[in-house]
Protein backbone atom coordinates (compact mmCIF):
# COMPACT_ATOMS: atom_id res chain seq x y z
CA MET A 1 87.06 108.53 -35.51
CA ALA A 2 88.84 109.45 -32.29
CA GLN A 3 92.02 111.47 -32.59
CA PRO A 4 95.17 109.99 -31.02
CA SER A 5 96.12 111.72 -27.81
CA ARG A 6 99.22 113.90 -27.81
CA ALA A 7 101.32 115.11 -24.93
CA ARG A 8 100.32 118.65 -24.06
CA PRO A 9 103.41 120.69 -23.26
CA SER A 10 101.46 123.14 -21.12
CA ARG A 11 100.31 120.42 -18.73
CA ALA A 12 102.82 117.61 -19.13
CA ALA A 13 106.13 119.39 -19.37
CA GLY A 14 108.51 121.23 -17.13
CA HIS A 15 112.21 121.88 -17.02
CA ALA A 16 114.32 119.48 -15.01
CA GLU A 17 117.37 120.66 -13.12
CA PRO A 18 120.51 119.63 -15.00
CA ARG A 19 123.28 117.74 -13.27
CA ASP A 20 126.81 119.11 -13.54
CA GLY A 21 127.91 119.01 -17.17
CA GLU A 22 124.45 118.04 -18.43
CA GLU A 23 122.10 120.06 -20.54
CA PRO A 24 118.61 120.84 -19.16
CA ALA A 25 115.87 118.37 -20.02
CA LEU A 26 112.15 118.58 -20.59
CA ARG A 27 110.06 116.34 -18.36
CA LEU A 28 107.45 114.55 -20.41
CA LEU A 29 105.10 111.89 -19.17
CA HIS A 30 106.47 108.84 -20.93
CA GLY A 31 106.10 105.84 -18.71
CA GLY A 32 107.98 107.22 -15.71
CA ARG A 33 111.40 106.73 -17.28
CA GLY A 34 112.62 110.14 -16.19
CA PRO A 35 113.23 113.34 -18.09
CA LEU A 36 113.63 113.42 -21.83
CA ARG A 37 116.88 114.98 -22.99
CA LEU A 38 116.27 117.56 -25.67
CA GLY A 39 119.84 118.05 -26.81
CA LEU A 40 120.11 120.91 -29.28
CA LEU A 41 116.34 121.47 -29.11
CA GLU A 42 116.71 122.87 -25.59
CA ASN A 43 117.71 126.26 -27.00
CA THR A 44 116.19 126.07 -30.48
CA LEU A 45 113.79 128.93 -31.18
CA GLY A 46 111.66 127.04 -33.70
CA PHE A 47 111.08 124.15 -31.31
CA HIS A 48 109.97 126.49 -28.52
CA LEU A 49 107.80 128.52 -30.92
CA ARG A 50 106.00 125.30 -31.80
CA LEU A 51 105.57 124.34 -28.13
CA ALA A 52 104.24 127.83 -27.41
CA GLN A 53 101.79 127.56 -30.31
CA GLU A 54 100.58 124.14 -29.14
CA ALA A 55 100.18 125.39 -25.56
CA SER A 56 98.32 128.49 -26.77
CA PHE A 57 96.01 126.45 -29.01
CA ALA A 58 95.26 123.99 -26.20
CA ALA A 59 94.47 126.86 -23.80
CA PHE A 60 92.18 128.46 -26.41
CA ALA A 61 90.39 125.13 -26.93
CA ARG A 62 89.83 124.81 -23.17
CA ARG A 63 88.39 128.33 -23.05
CA SER A 64 86.09 127.78 -26.02
CA GLY A 65 84.66 124.69 -24.34
CA ASP A 66 82.03 122.66 -26.12
CA SER A 67 82.05 124.78 -29.28
CA GLY A 68 84.63 122.44 -30.80
CA LEU A 69 86.08 125.42 -32.65
CA LYS A 70 89.83 125.87 -32.63
CA PRO A 71 92.01 128.94 -33.11
CA GLY A 72 92.24 128.24 -36.84
CA HIS A 73 88.46 128.25 -37.11
CA PHE A 74 88.32 131.51 -35.16
CA ALA A 75 90.91 133.10 -37.45
CA ALA A 76 88.94 131.99 -40.53
CA LEU A 77 85.66 133.33 -39.11
CA VAL A 78 87.26 136.71 -38.26
CA ILE A 79 88.84 137.10 -41.71
CA ILE A 80 85.63 136.07 -43.52
CA HIS A 81 83.54 138.39 -41.31
CA ASN A 82 85.83 141.32 -42.18
CA ASN A 83 86.08 140.39 -45.88
CA PRO A 84 82.76 138.86 -46.98
CA GLY A 85 82.97 137.21 -50.38
CA LEU A 86 86.72 136.61 -50.28
CA SER A 87 88.11 133.53 -52.00
CA GLN A 88 89.43 130.42 -50.30
CA THR A 89 92.84 131.21 -51.80
CA ALA A 90 92.87 134.69 -50.23
CA LEU A 91 91.76 133.26 -46.88
CA GLY A 92 94.48 130.60 -47.01
CA ALA A 93 97.12 133.25 -47.70
CA ALA A 94 95.82 135.42 -44.83
CA ILE A 95 95.95 132.64 -42.23
CA GLY A 96 98.95 130.77 -43.60
CA ARG A 97 97.20 127.57 -44.67
CA ASP A 98 97.46 125.71 -47.95
CA LYS A 99 94.48 124.37 -49.87
CA SER A 100 94.83 120.80 -48.57
CA THR A 101 94.64 122.02 -44.96
CA LEU A 102 92.08 124.77 -45.45
CA THR A 103 89.49 122.93 -47.55
CA PRO A 104 88.54 120.37 -44.85
CA LYS A 105 88.30 123.14 -42.22
CA LEU A 106 85.98 125.15 -44.46
CA ALA A 107 83.93 122.04 -45.23
CA GLU A 108 83.50 121.50 -41.49
CA LEU A 109 82.42 125.11 -40.92
CA GLU A 110 79.99 124.82 -43.83
CA ARG A 111 78.62 121.50 -42.51
CA ARG A 112 78.05 123.16 -39.14
CA GLY A 113 76.12 125.95 -40.87
CA LEU A 114 78.63 128.67 -39.98
CA LEU A 115 79.62 129.73 -43.49
CA ARG A 116 78.52 129.55 -47.10
CA ARG A 117 80.74 128.77 -50.05
CA ASP A 118 79.17 130.13 -53.23
CA ARG A 119 80.70 130.05 -56.68
CA ALA A 120 82.40 133.38 -57.35
CA HIS A 121 80.79 135.37 -60.16
CA ALA A 122 84.12 136.58 -61.57
CA ASP A 123 85.76 133.14 -61.56
CA ARG A 124 83.48 130.10 -61.46
CA ARG A 125 86.44 127.96 -60.36
CA SER A 126 86.61 129.88 -57.06
CA TYR A 127 84.33 130.08 -54.06
CA ALA A 128 83.22 133.27 -52.34
CA LEU A 129 83.04 132.82 -48.56
CA THR A 130 80.46 134.47 -46.31
CA LEU A 131 79.37 133.85 -42.74
CA THR A 132 75.84 132.72 -42.03
CA PRO A 133 73.86 134.20 -39.11
CA ALA A 134 74.94 131.14 -37.09
CA GLY A 135 78.55 131.87 -38.08
CA GLU A 136 78.20 135.46 -36.90
CA ALA A 137 76.80 134.21 -33.57
CA ALA A 138 79.62 131.67 -33.19
CA LEU A 139 82.15 134.40 -33.95
CA ALA A 140 80.62 136.66 -31.28
CA ALA A 141 80.88 133.88 -28.68
CA LEU A 142 84.43 132.97 -29.70
CA THR A 143 85.47 136.63 -29.64
CA ALA A 144 84.78 136.74 -25.89
CA HIS A 145 86.88 133.58 -25.39
CA ALA A 146 89.64 135.00 -27.60
CA ALA A 147 89.71 138.24 -25.57
CA ALA A 148 90.10 136.26 -22.33
CA HIS A 149 92.80 134.12 -23.95
CA ASP A 150 94.64 137.20 -25.21
CA ALA A 151 94.47 138.74 -21.72
CA ALA A 152 96.04 135.57 -20.29
CA LEU A 153 98.81 135.77 -22.90
CA ASP A 154 99.32 139.44 -22.01
CA ARG A 155 99.82 138.46 -18.37
CA LEU A 156 102.44 135.88 -19.40
CA VAL A 157 104.27 138.11 -21.88
CA GLY A 158 103.81 141.25 -19.80
CA GLY A 159 101.60 144.02 -21.11
CA GLU A 160 104.60 146.32 -21.43
CA ASN A 161 106.26 143.74 -23.73
CA ARG A 162 103.23 143.13 -25.97
CA ALA A 163 104.13 145.55 -28.78
CA ALA A 164 107.74 144.35 -28.96
CA PHE A 165 106.66 140.70 -28.84
CA LEU A 166 104.13 141.20 -31.66
CA ASP A 167 106.77 143.05 -33.67
CA THR A 168 109.21 140.16 -33.20
CA LEU A 169 106.58 137.61 -34.26
CA ARG A 170 105.67 139.69 -37.33
CA ARG A 171 109.34 140.01 -38.28
CA LEU A 172 109.74 136.23 -37.96
CA VAL A 173 106.75 135.63 -40.24
CA ALA A 174 107.90 138.20 -42.80
CA GLY A 175 111.54 137.13 -42.67
CA LEU A 176 110.81 133.43 -42.96
CA ASP A 177 108.47 134.08 -45.88
CA THR A 178 111.30 135.30 -48.10
CA ASP A 179 113.74 133.43 -50.31
CA GLU A 180 116.74 134.46 -48.19
CA THR A 181 115.94 131.97 -45.40
């Protein structure tokens, strides 16, 4: 089934110049009716984090070409490669995905012959995940794409800002994962 198309912020958006007394607007292709007014979203960190994530994921998908593998697949392959035999629950915690989101992704990777899900010996209710030789090959190919993607992000962020930017992102993840938020 074809997926519905979504506006891609990286290609379809830009900031419009505000008129006196008006807030800036984001130009989106929506039937030529002019810029969309974002209101409070214009300066909302969470909104712009999401747009940045979407733009980054779309750029990664363009780089990875016909593989059909997305950043989430790449993250799963990397974690499984580095932790053969880990459980689906541990993988979900590592990449920030719940069971309902992760299970279909793993089923797809298994269907494509990139990983195996075997019943765990210690807990027959769990699966132990391992990459197949095809999964290792796919990971090697995606790693080259990921390196090029990361280099492009470095150019945008500025190599000298990389460590501080990663620290800020890690603090956001850790801080938002607590009960105080």
